[in-house]
PDB file of N, CA and C in Angstrom:
ATOM      1  N   MET A   1      17.266 -34.186  35.384  1.00  0.00           N
ATOM      2  CA  MET A   1      18.289 -33.437  34.693  1.00  0.00           C
ATOM      3  C   MET A   1      17.680 -32.120  34.201  1.00  0.00           C
ATOM      4  N   ALA A   2      18.357 -31.029  34.468  1.00  0.00           N
ATOM      5  CA  ALA A   2      17.876 -29.705  34.062  1.00  0.00           C
ATOM      6  C   ALA A   2      18.095 -29.507  32.565  1.00  0.00           C
ATOM      7  N   ARG A   3      17.130 -28.883  31.947  1.00  0.00           N
ATOM      8  CA  ARG A   3      17.207 -28.597  30.517  1.00  0.00           C
ATOM      9  C   ARG A   3      18.075 -27.356  30.312  1.00  0.00           C
ATOM     10  N   GLN A   4      19.017 -27.444  29.387  1.00  0.00           N
ATOM     11  CA  GLN A   4      19.902 -26.305  29.129  1.00  0.00           C
ATOM     12  C   GLN A   4      19.227 -25.323  28.185  1.00  0.00           C
ATOM     13  N   ARG A   5      19.474 -24.059  28.439  1.00  0.00           N
ATOM     14  CA  ARG A   5      18.932 -23.000  27.577  1.00  0.00           C
ATOM     15  C   ARG A   5      19.855 -22.801  26.387  1.00  0.00           C
ATOM     16  N   SER A   6      19.245 -22.405  25.296  1.00  0.00           N
ATOM     17  CA  SER A   6      20.032 -22.087  24.108  1.00  0.00           C
ATOM     18  C   SER A   6      20.725 -20.749  24.331  1.00  0.00           C
ATOM     19  N   PRO A   7      21.811 -20.495  23.590  1.00  0.00           N
ATOM     20  CA  PRO A   7      22.473 -19.180  23.707  1.00  0.00           C
ATOM     21  C   PRO A   7      21.520 -18.034  23.396  1.00  0.00           C
ATOM     22  N   LEU A   8      20.590 -18.277  22.471  1.00  0.00           N
ATOM     23  CA  LEU A   8      19.618 -17.260  22.101  1.00  0.00           C
ATOM     24  C   LEU A   8      18.721 -16.905  23.279  1.00  0.00           C
ATOM     25  N   SER A   9      18.140 -17.910  23.908  1.00  0.00           N
ATOM     26  CA  SER A   9      17.245 -17.617  25.030  1.00  0.00           C
ATOM     27  C   SER A   9      18.009 -17.026  26.197  1.00  0.00           C
ATOM     28  N   THR A  10      19.245 -17.465  26.392  1.00  0.00           N
ATOM     29  CA  THR A  10      20.072 -16.903  27.461  1.00  0.00           C
ATOM     30  C   THR A  10      20.329 -15.426  27.202  1.00  0.00           C
ATOM     31  N   ALA A  11      20.642 -15.067  25.953  1.00  0.00           N
ATOM     32  CA  ALA A  11      20.903 -13.666  25.612  1.00  0.00           C
ATOM     33  C   ALA A  11      19.669 -12.812  25.823  1.00  0.00           C
ATOM     34  N   ILE A  12      18.513 -13.324  25.447  1.00  0.00           N
ATOM     35  CA  ILE A  12      17.281 -12.556  25.620  1.00  0.00           C
ATOM     36  C   ILE A  12      16.948 -12.409  27.099  1.00  0.00           C
ATOM     37  N   LEU A  13      17.154 -13.466  27.870  1.00  0.00           N
ATOM     38  CA  LEU A  13      16.934 -13.366  29.319  1.00  0.00           C
ATOM     39  C   LEU A  13      17.887 -12.345  29.941  1.00  0.00           C
ATOM     40  N   ASP A  14      19.122 -12.329  29.473  1.00  0.00           N
ATOM     41  CA  ASP A  14      20.090 -11.349  29.985  1.00  0.00           C
ATOM     42  C   ASP A  14      19.640  -9.922  29.670  1.00  0.00           C
ATOM     43  N   LEU A  15      19.148  -9.706  28.450  1.00  0.00           N
ATOM     44  CA  LEU A  15      18.627  -8.379  28.102  1.00  0.00           C
ATOM     45  C   LEU A  15      17.466  -8.017  29.026  1.00  0.00           C
ATOM     46  N   GLY A  16      16.589  -8.980  29.261  1.00  0.00           N
ATOM     47  CA  GLY A  16      15.442  -8.741  30.135  1.00  0.00           C
ATOM     48  C   GLY A  16      15.855  -8.372  31.544  1.00  0.00           C
ATOM     49  N   ARG A  17      16.862  -9.056  32.064  1.00  0.00           N
ATOM     50  CA  ARG A  17      17.350  -8.729  33.408  1.00  0.00           C
ATOM     51  C   ARG A  17      17.993  -7.349  33.447  1.00  0.00           C
ATOM     52  N   ARG A  18      18.691  -7.015  32.387  1.00  0.00           N
ATOM     53  CA  ARG A  18      19.412  -5.740  32.349  1.00  0.00           C
ATOM     54  C   ARG A  18      18.483  -4.550  32.127  1.00  0.00           C
ATOM     55  N   PHE A  19      17.511  -4.714  31.221  1.00  0.00           N
ATOM     56  CA  PHE A  19      16.687  -3.572  30.812  1.00  0.00           C
ATOM     57  C   PHE A  19      15.212  -3.679  31.179  1.00  0.00           C
ATOM     58  N   GLY A  20      14.748  -4.852  31.531  1.00  0.00           N
ATOM     59  CA  GLY A  20      13.323  -5.047  31.772  1.00  0.00           C
ATOM     60  C   GLY A  20      12.623  -5.492  30.497  1.00  0.00           C
ATOM     61  N   TYR A  21      11.409  -5.994  30.661  1.00  0.00           N
ATOM     62  CA  TYR A  21      10.670  -6.581  29.552  1.00  0.00           C
ATOM     63  C   TYR A  21      10.371  -5.578  28.440  1.00  0.00           C
ATOM     64  N   ARG A  22       9.811  -4.438  28.787  1.00  0.00           N
ATOM     65  CA  ARG A  22       9.398  -3.462  27.753  1.00  0.00           C
ATOM     66  C   ARG A  22      10.575  -2.964  26.924  1.00  0.00           C
ATOM     67  N   LYS A  23      11.671  -2.632  27.585  1.00  0.00           N
ATOM     68  CA  LYS A  23      12.835  -2.144  26.837  1.00  0.00           C
ATOM     69  C   LYS A  23      13.451  -3.261  26.005  1.00  0.00           C
ATOM     70  N   THR A  24      13.427  -4.495  26.504  1.00  0.00           N
ATOM     71  CA  THR A  24      13.954  -5.616  25.733  1.00  0.00           C
ATOM     72  C   THR A  24      13.143  -5.810  24.457  1.00  0.00           C
ATOM     73  N   VAL A  25      11.841  -5.739  24.555  1.00  0.00           N
ATOM     74  CA  VAL A  25      10.994  -5.858  23.369  1.00  0.00           C
ATOM     75  C   VAL A  25      11.309  -4.719  22.395  1.00  0.00           C
ATOM     76  N   TRP A  26      11.480  -3.495  22.920  1.00  0.00           N
ATOM     77  CA  TRP A  26      11.813  -2.358  22.051  1.00  0.00           C
ATOM     78  C   TRP A  26      13.158  -2.607  21.359  1.00  0.00           C
ATOM     79  N   ILE A  27      14.160  -3.052  22.132  1.00  0.00           N
ATOM     80  CA  ILE A  27      15.498  -3.312  21.572  1.00  0.00           C
ATOM     81  C   ILE A  27      15.407  -4.323  20.436  1.00  0.00           C
ATOM     82  N   LEU A  28      14.706  -5.416  20.663  1.00  0.00           N
ATOM     83  CA  LEU A  28      14.593  -6.457  19.639  1.00  0.00           C
ATOM     84  C   LEU A  28      13.908  -5.931  18.384  1.00  0.00           C
ATOM     85  N   ASP A  29      12.840  -5.179  18.550  1.00  0.00           N
ATOM     86  CA  ASP A  29      12.133  -4.623  17.402  1.00  0.00           C
ATOM     87  C   ASP A  29      13.001  -3.614  16.650  1.00  0.00           C
ATOM     88  N   PHE A  30      13.681  -2.751  17.392  1.00  0.00           N
ATOM     89  CA  PHE A  30      14.538  -1.748  16.767  1.00  0.00           C
ATOM     90  C   PHE A  30      15.692  -2.408  16.015  1.00  0.00           C
ATOM     91  N   LEU A  31      16.326  -3.408  16.629  1.00  0.00           N
ATOM     92  CA  LEU A  31      17.426  -4.104  15.962  1.00  0.00           C
ATOM     93  C   LEU A  31      16.972  -4.734  14.648  1.00  0.00           C
ATOM     94  N   ALA A  32      15.827  -5.362  14.663  1.00  0.00           N
ATOM     95  CA  ALA A  32      15.320  -5.985  13.438  1.00  0.00           C
ATOM     96  C   ALA A  32      15.031  -4.929  12.384  1.00  0.00           C
ATOM     97  N   GLY A  33      14.403  -3.846  12.784  1.00  0.00           N
ATOM     98  CA  GLY A  33      14.101  -2.779  11.834  1.00  0.00           C
ATOM     99  C   GLY A  33      15.354  -2.164  11.243  1.00  0.00           C
ATOM    100  N   TRP A  34      16.328  -1.897  12.089  1.00  0.00           N
ATOM    101  CA  TRP A  34      17.586  -1.305  11.605  1.00  0.00           C
ATOM    102  C   TRP A  34      18.296  -2.304  10.692  1.00  0.00           C
ATOM    103  N   ALA A  35      18.304  -3.587  11.068  1.00  0.00           N
ATOM    104  CA  ALA A  35      18.979  -4.616  10.268  1.00  0.00           C
ATOM    105  C   ALA A  35      18.363  -4.729   8.870  1.00  0.00           C
ATOM    106  N   LEU A  36      17.062  -4.702   8.792  1.00  0.00           N
ATOM    107  CA  LEU A  36      16.417  -4.794   7.484  1.00  0.00           C
ATOM    108  C   LEU A  36      16.722  -3.555   6.635  1.00  0.00           C
ATOM    109  N   ALA A  37      16.821  -2.403   7.261  1.00  0.00           N
ATOM    110  CA  ALA A  37      17.181  -1.184   6.526  1.00  0.00           C
ATOM    111  C   ALA A  37      18.633  -1.245   6.060  1.00  0.00           C
ATOM    112  N   VAL A  38      19.528  -1.779   6.875  1.00  0.00           N
ATOM    113  CA  VAL A  38      20.936  -1.944   6.473  1.00  0.00           C
ATOM    114  C   VAL A  38      21.027  -2.923   5.308  1.00  0.00           C
ATOM    115  N   ARG A  39      20.307  -4.021   5.400  1.00  0.00           N
ATOM    116  CA  ARG A  39      20.322  -5.004   4.307  1.00  0.00           C
ATOM    117  C   ARG A  39      19.814  -4.373   3.012  1.00  0.00           C
ATOM    118  N   ALA A  40      18.763  -3.569   3.099  1.00  0.00           N
ATOM    119  CA  ALA A  40      18.227  -2.893   1.913  1.00  0.00           C
ATOM    120  C   ALA A  40      19.222  -1.874   1.353  1.00  0.00           C
ATOM    121  N   ASN A  41      20.149  -1.417   2.182  1.00  0.00           N
ATOM    122  CA  ASN A  41      21.186  -0.469   1.770  1.00  0.00           C
ATOM    123  C   ASN A  41      22.465  -1.213   1.367  1.00  0.00           C
ATOM    124  N   ASP A  42      22.317  -2.447   0.911  1.00  0.00           N
ATOM    125  CA  ASP A  42      23.437  -3.276   0.453  1.00  0.00           C
ATOM    126  C   ASP A  42      24.484  -3.482   1.550  1.00  0.00           C
ATOM    127  N   TRP A  43      24.008  -3.650   2.788  1.00  0.00           N
ATOM    128  CA  TRP A  43      24.850  -3.917   3.956  1.00  0.00           C
ATOM    129  C   TRP A  43      25.848  -2.796   4.244  1.00  0.00           C
ATOM    130  N   GLN A  44      25.491  -1.593   3.848  1.00  0.00           N
ATOM    131  CA  GLN A  44      26.303  -0.422   4.163  1.00  0.00           C
ATOM    132  C   GLN A  44      25.682   0.280   5.374  1.00  0.00           C
ATOM    133  N   PRO A  45      26.496   0.904   6.217  1.00  0.00           N
ATOM    134  CA  PRO A  45      25.952   1.592   7.399  1.00  0.00           C
ATOM    135  C   PRO A  45      24.913   2.640   7.006  1.00  0.00           C
ATOM    136  N   ILE A  46      23.948   2.828   7.886  1.00  0.00           N
ATOM    137  CA  ILE A  46      22.912   3.832   7.672  1.00  0.00           C
ATOM    138  C   ILE A  46      22.874   4.774   8.863  1.00  0.00           C
ATOM    139  N   ASP A  47      22.087   5.817   8.736  1.00  0.00           N
ATOM    140  CA  ASP A  47      21.882   6.744   9.845  1.00  0.00           C
ATOM    141  C   ASP A  47      20.398   6.774  10.187  1.00  0.00           C
ATOM    142  N   ALA A  48      20.055   7.593  11.151  1.00  0.00           N
ATOM    143  CA  ALA A  48      18.666   7.655  11.608  1.00  0.00           C
ATOM    144  C   ALA A  48      17.719   8.085  10.488  1.00  0.00           C
ATOM    145  N   GLU A  49      18.170   8.958   9.616  1.00  0.00           N
ATOM    146  CA  GLU A  49      17.318   9.404   8.513  1.00  0.00           C
ATOM    147  C   GLU A  49      17.034   8.270   7.530  1.00  0.00           C
ATOM    148  N   ALA A  50      18.048   7.480   7.209  1.00  0.00           N
ATOM    149  CA  ALA A  50      17.853   6.347   6.294  1.00  0.00           C
ATOM    150  C   ALA A  50      16.942   5.297   6.921  1.00  0.00           C
ATOM    151  N   TYR A  51      17.111   5.056   8.215  1.00  0.00           N
ATOM    152  CA  TYR A  51      16.238   4.124   8.942  1.00  0.00           C
ATOM    153  C   TYR A  51      14.794   4.603   8.868  1.00  0.00           C
ATOM    154  N   ALA A  52      14.579   5.884   9.148  1.00  0.00           N
ATOM    155  CA  ALA A  52      13.228   6.451   9.119  1.00  0.00           C
ATOM    156  C   ALA A  52      12.645   6.392   7.704  1.00  0.00           C
ATOM    157  N   ALA A  53      13.450   6.714   6.718  1.00  0.00           N
ATOM    158  CA  ALA A  53      12.966   6.694   5.337  1.00  0.00           C
ATOM    159  C   ALA A  53      12.583   5.273   4.917  1.00  0.00           C
ATOM    160  N   TYR A  54      13.395   4.293   5.280  1.00  0.00           N
ATOM    161  CA  TYR A  54      13.106   2.908   4.905  1.00  0.00           C
ATOM    162  C   TYR A  54      11.759   2.462   5.465  1.00  0.00           C
ATOM    163  N   TRP A  55      11.489   2.818   6.709  1.00  0.00           N
ATOM    164  CA  TRP A  55      10.259   2.382   7.370  1.00  0.00           C
ATOM    165  C   TRP A  55       9.121   3.403   7.229  1.00  0.00           C
ATOM    166  N   LYS A  56       9.373   4.464   6.465  1.00  0.00           N
ATOM    167  CA  LYS A  56       8.370   5.517   6.250  1.00  0.00           C
ATOM    168  C   LYS A  56       7.904   6.123   7.576  1.00  0.00           C
ATOM    169  N   LEU A  57       8.896   6.376   8.431  1.00  0.00           N
ATOM    170  CA  LEU A  57       8.664   7.047   9.709  1.00  0.00           C
ATOM    171  C   LEU A  57       9.031   8.511   9.541  1.00  0.00           C
ATOM    172  N   SER A  58       8.584   9.336  10.457  1.00  0.00           N
ATOM    173  CA  SER A  58       9.024  10.725  10.410  1.00  0.00           C
ATOM    174  C   SER A  58      10.513  10.771  10.753  1.00  0.00           C
ATOM    175  N   ARG A  59      11.151  11.792  10.256  1.00  0.00           N
ATOM    176  CA  ARG A  59      12.573  11.995  10.560  1.00  0.00           C
ATOM    177  C   ARG A  59      12.774  12.081  12.065  1.00  0.00           C
ATOM    178  N   ALA A  60      11.876  12.792  12.755  1.00  0.00           N
ATOM    179  CA  ALA A  60      11.967  12.951  14.211  1.00  0.00           C
ATOM    180  C   ALA A  60      11.888  11.596  14.916  1.00  0.00           C
ATOM    181  N   LYS A  61      10.993  10.719  14.451  1.00  0.00           N
ATOM    182  CA  LYS A  61      10.862   9.383  15.058  1.00  0.00           C
ATOM    183  C   LYS A  61      12.148   8.589  14.878  1.00  0.00           C
ATOM    184  N   GLY A  62      12.765   8.695  13.703  1.00  0.00           N
ATOM    185  CA  GLY A  62      14.040   8.015  13.464  1.00  0.00           C
ATOM    186  C   GLY A  62      15.107   8.473  14.447  1.00  0.00           C
ATOM    187  N   PHE A  63      15.185   9.785  14.661  1.00  0.00           N
ATOM    188  CA  PHE A  63      16.176  10.316  15.600  1.00  0.00           C
ATOM    189  C   PHE A  63      15.829   9.973  17.049  1.00  0.00           C
ATOM    190  N   ARG A  64      14.542   9.951  17.390  1.00  0.00           N
ATOM    191  CA  ARG A  64      14.152   9.547  18.756  1.00  0.00           C
ATOM    192  C   ARG A  64      14.530   8.091  19.016  1.00  0.00           C
ATOM    193  N   ASP A  65      14.280   7.231  18.022  1.00  0.00           N
ATOM    194  CA  ASP A  65      14.646   5.817  18.179  1.00  0.00           C
ATOM    195  C   ASP A  65      16.156   5.667  18.335  1.00  0.00           C
ATOM    196  N   GLN A  66      16.910   6.402  17.532  1.00  0.00           N
ATOM    197  CA  GLN A  66      18.361   6.326  17.644  1.00  0.00           C
ATOM    198  C   GLN A  66      18.816   6.824  19.021  1.00  0.00           C
ATOM    199  N   GLN A  67      18.197   7.866  19.534  1.00  0.00           N
ATOM    200  CA  GLN A  67      18.562   8.376  20.857  1.00  0.00           C
ATOM    201  C   GLN A  67      18.227   7.363  21.948  1.00  0.00           C
ATOM    202  N   THR A  68      17.103   6.694  21.817  1.00  0.00           N
ATOM    203  CA  THR A  68      16.759   5.645  22.786  1.00  0.00           C
ATOM    204  C   THR A  68      17.822   4.560  22.762  1.00  0.00           C
ATOM    205  N   TRP A  69      18.251   4.159  21.558  1.00  0.00           N
ATOM    206  CA  TRP A  69      19.322   3.158  21.426  1.00  0.00           C
ATOM    207  C   TRP A  69      20.580   3.644  22.145  1.00  0.00           C
ATOM    208  N   ARG A  70      20.956   4.895  21.901  1.00  0.00           N
ATOM    209  CA  ARG A  70      22.166   5.444  22.516  1.00  0.00           C
ATOM    210  C   ARG A  70      22.044   5.523  24.033  1.00  0.00           C
ATOM    211  N   ASP A  71      20.845   5.789  24.534  1.00  0.00           N
ATOM    212  CA  ASP A  71      20.640   5.809  25.983  1.00  0.00           C
ATOM    213  C   ASP A  71      20.842   4.416  26.576  1.00  0.00           C
ATOM    214  N   LEU A  72      20.414   3.390  25.856  1.00  0.00           N
ATOM    215  CA  LEU A  72      20.527   2.016  26.346  1.00  0.00           C
ATOM    216  C   LEU A  72      21.912   1.425  26.105  1.00  0.00           C
ATOM    217  N   PHE A  73      22.533   1.809  25.012  1.00  0.00           N
ATOM    218  CA  PHE A  73      23.855   1.294  24.626  1.00  0.00           C
ATOM    219  C   PHE A  73      24.784   2.480  24.342  1.00  0.00           C
ATOM    220  N   PRO A  74      25.261   3.146  25.384  1.00  0.00           N
ATOM    221  CA  PRO A  74      26.037   4.382  25.178  1.00  0.00           C
ATOM    222  C   PRO A  74      27.339   4.197  24.399  1.00  0.00           C
ATOM    223  N   ASP A  75      27.855   2.988  24.332  1.00  0.00           N
ATOM    224  CA  ASP A  75      29.094   2.754  23.586  1.00  0.00           C
ATOM    225  C   ASP A  75      28.851   2.460  22.110  1.00  0.00           C
ATOM    226  N   GLU A  76      27.589   2.409  21.703  1.00  0.00           N
ATOM    227  CA  GLU A  76      27.234   2.130  20.309  1.00  0.00           C
ATOM    228  C   GLU A  76      26.324   3.239  19.788  1.00  0.00           C
ATOM    229  N   PRO A  77      26.848   4.175  19.005  1.00  0.00           N
ATOM    230  CA  PRO A  77      26.005   5.257  18.495  1.00  0.00           C
ATOM    231  C   PRO A  77      24.847   4.752  17.635  1.00  0.00           C
ATOM    232  N   THR A  78      25.088   3.673  16.884  1.00  0.00           N
ATOM    233  CA  THR A  78      24.048   3.001  16.098  1.00  0.00           C
ATOM    234  C   THR A  78      24.337   1.502  16.176  1.00  0.00           C
ATOM    235  N   PRO A  79      23.383   0.670  15.798  1.00  0.00           N
ATOM    236  CA  PRO A  79      23.667  -0.771  15.774  1.00  0.00           C
ATOM    237  C   PRO A  79      24.342  -1.235  14.479  1.00  0.00           C
ATOM    238  N   ASN A  80      24.836  -0.300  13.664  1.00  0.00           N
ATOM    239  CA  ASN A  80      25.436  -0.666  12.378  1.00  0.00           C
ATOM    240  C   ASN A  80      26.517  -1.735  12.506  1.00  0.00           C
ATOM    241  N   GLU A  81      27.492  -1.512  13.374  1.00  0.00           N
ATOM    242  CA  GLU A  81      28.611  -2.458  13.479  1.00  0.00           C
ATOM    243  C   GLU A  81      28.125  -3.841  13.887  1.00  0.00           C
ATOM    244  N   ARG A  82      27.246  -3.898  14.871  1.00  0.00           N
ATOM    245  CA  ARG A  82      26.704  -5.176  15.344  1.00  0.00           C
ATOM    246  C   ARG A  82      26.000  -5.903  14.193  1.00  0.00           C
ATOM    247  N   ILE A  83      25.234  -5.170  13.420  1.00  0.00           N
ATOM    248  CA  ILE A  83      24.464  -5.778  12.333  1.00  0.00           C
ATOM    249  C   ILE A  83      25.371  -6.216  11.195  1.00  0.00           C
ATOM    250  N   ILE A  84      26.318  -5.402  10.831  1.00  0.00           N
ATOM    251  CA  ILE A  84      27.223  -5.761   9.732  1.00  0.00           C
ATOM    252  C   ILE A  84      28.082  -6.962  10.118  1.00  0.00           C
ATOM    253  N   ARG A  85      28.500  -7.045  11.392  1.00  0.00           N
ATOM    254  CA  ARG A  85      29.233  -8.229  11.853  1.00  0.00           C
ATOM    255  C   ARG A  85      28.378  -9.486  11.775  1.00  0.00           C
ATOM    256  N   ALA A  86      27.073  -9.331  11.920  1.00  0.00           N
ATOM    257  CA  ALA A  86      26.159 -10.479  11.907  1.00  0.00           C
ATOM    258  C   ALA A  86      25.794 -10.921  10.488  1.00  0.00           C
ATOM    259  N   ARG A  87      26.254 -10.206   9.478  1.00  0.00           N
ATOM    260  CA  ARG A  87      25.836 -10.491   8.098  1.00  0.00           C
ATOM    261  C   ARG A  87      26.114 -11.930   7.680  1.00  0.00           C
ATOM    262  N   ALA A  88      27.310 -12.431   7.900  1.00  0.00           N
ATOM    263  CA  ALA A  88      27.657 -13.793   7.477  1.00  0.00           C
ATOM    264  C   ALA A  88      26.754 -14.818   8.159  1.00  0.00           C
ATOM    265  N   GLU A  89      26.517 -14.637   9.430  1.00  0.00           N
ATOM    266  CA  GLU A  89      25.643 -15.561  10.154  1.00  0.00           C
ATOM    267  C   GLU A  89      24.202 -15.437   9.670  1.00  0.00           C
ATOM    268  N   TYR A  90      23.781 -14.231   9.376  1.00  0.00           N
ATOM    269  CA  TYR A  90      22.444 -13.992   8.848  1.00  0.00           C
ATOM    270  C   TYR A  90      22.271 -14.728   7.521  1.00  0.00           C
ATOM    271  N   GLU A  91      23.245 -14.597   6.643  1.00  0.00           N
ATOM    272  CA  GLU A  91      23.172 -15.263   5.347  1.00  0.00           C
ATOM    273  C   GLU A  91      23.240 -16.782   5.495  1.00  0.00           C
ATOM    274  N   ARG A  92      24.008 -17.261   6.472  1.00  0.00           N
ATOM    275  CA  ARG A  92      24.056 -18.694   6.746  1.00  0.00           C
ATOM    276  C   ARG A  92      22.689 -19.186   7.206  1.00  0.00           C
ATOM    277  N   LEU A  93      22.041 -18.410   8.049  1.00  0.00           N
ATOM    278  CA  LEU A  93      20.715 -18.758   8.556  1.00  0.00           C
ATOM    279  C   LEU A  93      19.708 -18.855   7.406  1.00  0.00           C
ATOM    280  N   ILE A  94      19.767 -17.926   6.479  1.00  0.00           N
ATOM    281  CA  ILE A  94      18.867 -17.955   5.316  1.00  0.00           C
ATOM    282  C   ILE A  94      19.112 -19.226   4.497  1.00  0.00           C
ATOM    283  N   ALA A  95      20.392 -19.541   4.247  1.00  0.00           N
ATOM    284  CA  ALA A  95      20.724 -20.726   3.459  1.00  0.00           C
ATOM    285  C   ALA A  95      20.276 -22.000   4.182  1.00  0.00           C
ATOM    286  N   GLU A  96      20.467 -22.035   5.472  1.00  0.00           N
ATOM    287  CA  GLU A  96      20.111 -23.213   6.276  1.00  0.00           C
ATOM    288  C   GLU A  96      18.596 -23.430   6.293  1.00  0.00           C
ATOM    289  N   GLN A  97      17.836 -22.359   6.469  1.00  0.00           N
ATOM    290  CA  GLN A  97      16.383 -22.469   6.556  1.00  0.00           C
ATOM    291  C   GLN A  97      15.704 -22.424   5.200  1.00  0.00           C
ATOM    292  N   GLN A  98      16.441 -22.030   4.181  1.00  0.00           N
ATOM    293  CA  GLN A  98      15.934 -21.879   2.822  1.00  0.00           C
ATOM    294  C   GLN A  98      14.693 -20.981   2.770  1.00  0.00           C
ATOM    295  N   ARG A  99      14.751 -19.958   3.597  1.00  0.00           N
ATOM    296  CA  ARG A  99      13.689 -18.948   3.614  1.00  0.00           C
ATOM    297  C   ARG A  99      14.230 -17.727   4.335  1.00  0.00           C
ATOM    298  N   GLU A 100      13.567 -16.626   4.098  1.00  0.00           N
ATOM    299  CA  GLU A 100      13.914 -15.382   4.784  1.00  0.00           C
ATOM    300  C   GLU A 100      13.435 -15.480   6.236  1.00  0.00           C
ATOM    301  N   PRO A 101      14.295 -15.164   7.201  1.00  0.00           N
ATOM    302  CA  PRO A 101      13.840 -15.220   8.593  1.00  0.00           C
ATOM    303  C   PRO A 101      12.801 -14.146   8.886  1.00  0.00           C
ATOM    304  N   SER A 102      11.980 -14.405   9.871  1.00  0.00           N
ATOM    305  CA  SER A 102      10.977 -13.416  10.282  1.00  0.00           C
ATOM    306  C   SER A 102      11.673 -12.260  10.989  1.00  0.00           C
ATOM    307  N   ARG A 103      10.955 -11.181  11.142  1.00  0.00           N
ATOM    308  CA  ARG A 103      11.504 -10.020  11.852  1.00  0.00           C
ATOM    309  C   ARG A 103      11.890 -10.409  13.280  1.00  0.00           C
ATOM    310  N   ALA A 104      11.083 -11.237  13.929  1.00  0.00           N
ATOM    311  CA  ALA A 104      11.389 -11.685  15.291  1.00  0.00           C
ATOM    312  C   ALA A 104      12.651 -12.524  15.317  1.00  0.00           C
ATOM    313  N   GLU A 105      12.835 -13.391  14.324  1.00  0.00           N
ATOM    314  CA  GLU A 105      14.049 -14.210  14.260  1.00  0.00           C
ATOM    315  C   GLU A 105      15.283 -13.339  14.039  1.00  0.00           C
ATOM    316  N   ILE A 106      15.151 -12.342  13.187  1.00  0.00           N
ATOM    317  CA  ILE A 106      16.266 -11.417  12.945  1.00  0.00           C
ATOM    318  C   ILE A 106      16.621 -10.692  14.241  1.00  0.00           C
ATOM    319  N   ALA A 107      15.620 -10.195  14.923  1.00  0.00           N
ATOM    320  CA  ALA A 107      15.845  -9.446  16.156  1.00  0.00           C
ATOM    321  C   ALA A 107      16.543 -10.311  17.196  1.00  0.00           C
ATOM    322  N   ALA A 108      16.037 -11.496  17.405  1.00  0.00           N
ATOM    323  CA  ALA A 108      16.624 -12.382  18.407  1.00  0.00           C
ATOM    324  C   ALA A 108      18.043 -12.763  18.023  1.00  0.00           C
ATOM    325  N   PHE A 109      18.270 -13.009  16.744  1.00  0.00           N
ATOM    326  CA  PHE A 109      19.601 -13.385  16.283  1.00  0.00           C
ATOM    327  C   PHE A 109      20.607 -12.258  16.517  1.00  0.00           C
ATOM    328  N   ILE A 110      20.265 -11.062  16.122  1.00  0.00           N
ATOM    329  CA  ILE A 110      21.197  -9.930  16.266  1.00  0.00           C
ATOM    330  C   ILE A 110      21.398  -9.576  17.730  1.00  0.00           C
ATOM    331  N   ALA A 111      20.358  -9.749  18.543  1.00  0.00           N
ATOM    332  CA  ALA A 111      20.494  -9.458  19.974  1.00  0.00           C
ATOM    333  C   ALA A 111      21.526 -10.351  20.631  1.00  0.00           C
ATOM    334  N   THR A 112      21.759 -11.526  20.080  1.00  0.00           N
ATOM    335  CA  THR A 112      22.742 -12.439  20.672  1.00  0.00           C
ATOM    336  C   THR A 112      24.164 -12.116  20.248  1.00  0.00           C
ATOM    337  N   MET A 113      24.315 -11.257  19.267  1.00  0.00           N
ATOM    338  CA  MET A 113      25.661 -10.897  18.806  1.00  0.00           C
ATOM    339  C   MET A 113      26.335 -10.016  19.847  1.00  0.00           C
ATOM    340  N   PRO A 114      27.619 -10.242  20.075  1.00  0.00           N
ATOM    341  CA  PRO A 114      28.318  -9.383  21.033  1.00  0.00           C
ATOM    342  C   PRO A 114      28.383  -7.950  20.552  1.00  0.00           C
ATOM    343  N   ALA A 115      28.404  -7.042  21.482  1.00  0.00           N
ATOM    344  CA  ALA A 115      28.464  -5.603  21.155  1.00  0.00           C
ATOM    345  C   ALA A 115      29.775  -5.246  20.521  1.00  0.00           C
TER     346      ALA A 115
END
C-alpha cells in the first residue's frame, strides 16, 4: 500500500515542480519572514519598507525581495492577503502545539494556503 502524502508535503512538492528547489526555498523563507513582520504589526498589512525595517535589512533589499515575490506571483503584489487569511489557522496551530511554531513551520504552513 502506498503511503499518502500530507497536504503540506504535496504543496511544497508542487512549489518545487513549479519553481525549482532554490526558488522554493526562497519563497518559504520570504513567506515566513513577511508573516512574522505582519504578526509584529498586529496582523495589519505591511509594505517592503516595513518588512525590511522589521528584519533590519536595507530598504533596497526589502524592495528587491518584494520584486522577486512579484516576479514569481504576479497576481499577488505582496503576500499580505495570504498571510492575513492564514491568521486563524496560525493561531490554532499555536494553541494546538502550545508553543510558537518555528520559522520553517510558519513558511511551510503559509505556503500551503491558497493564493
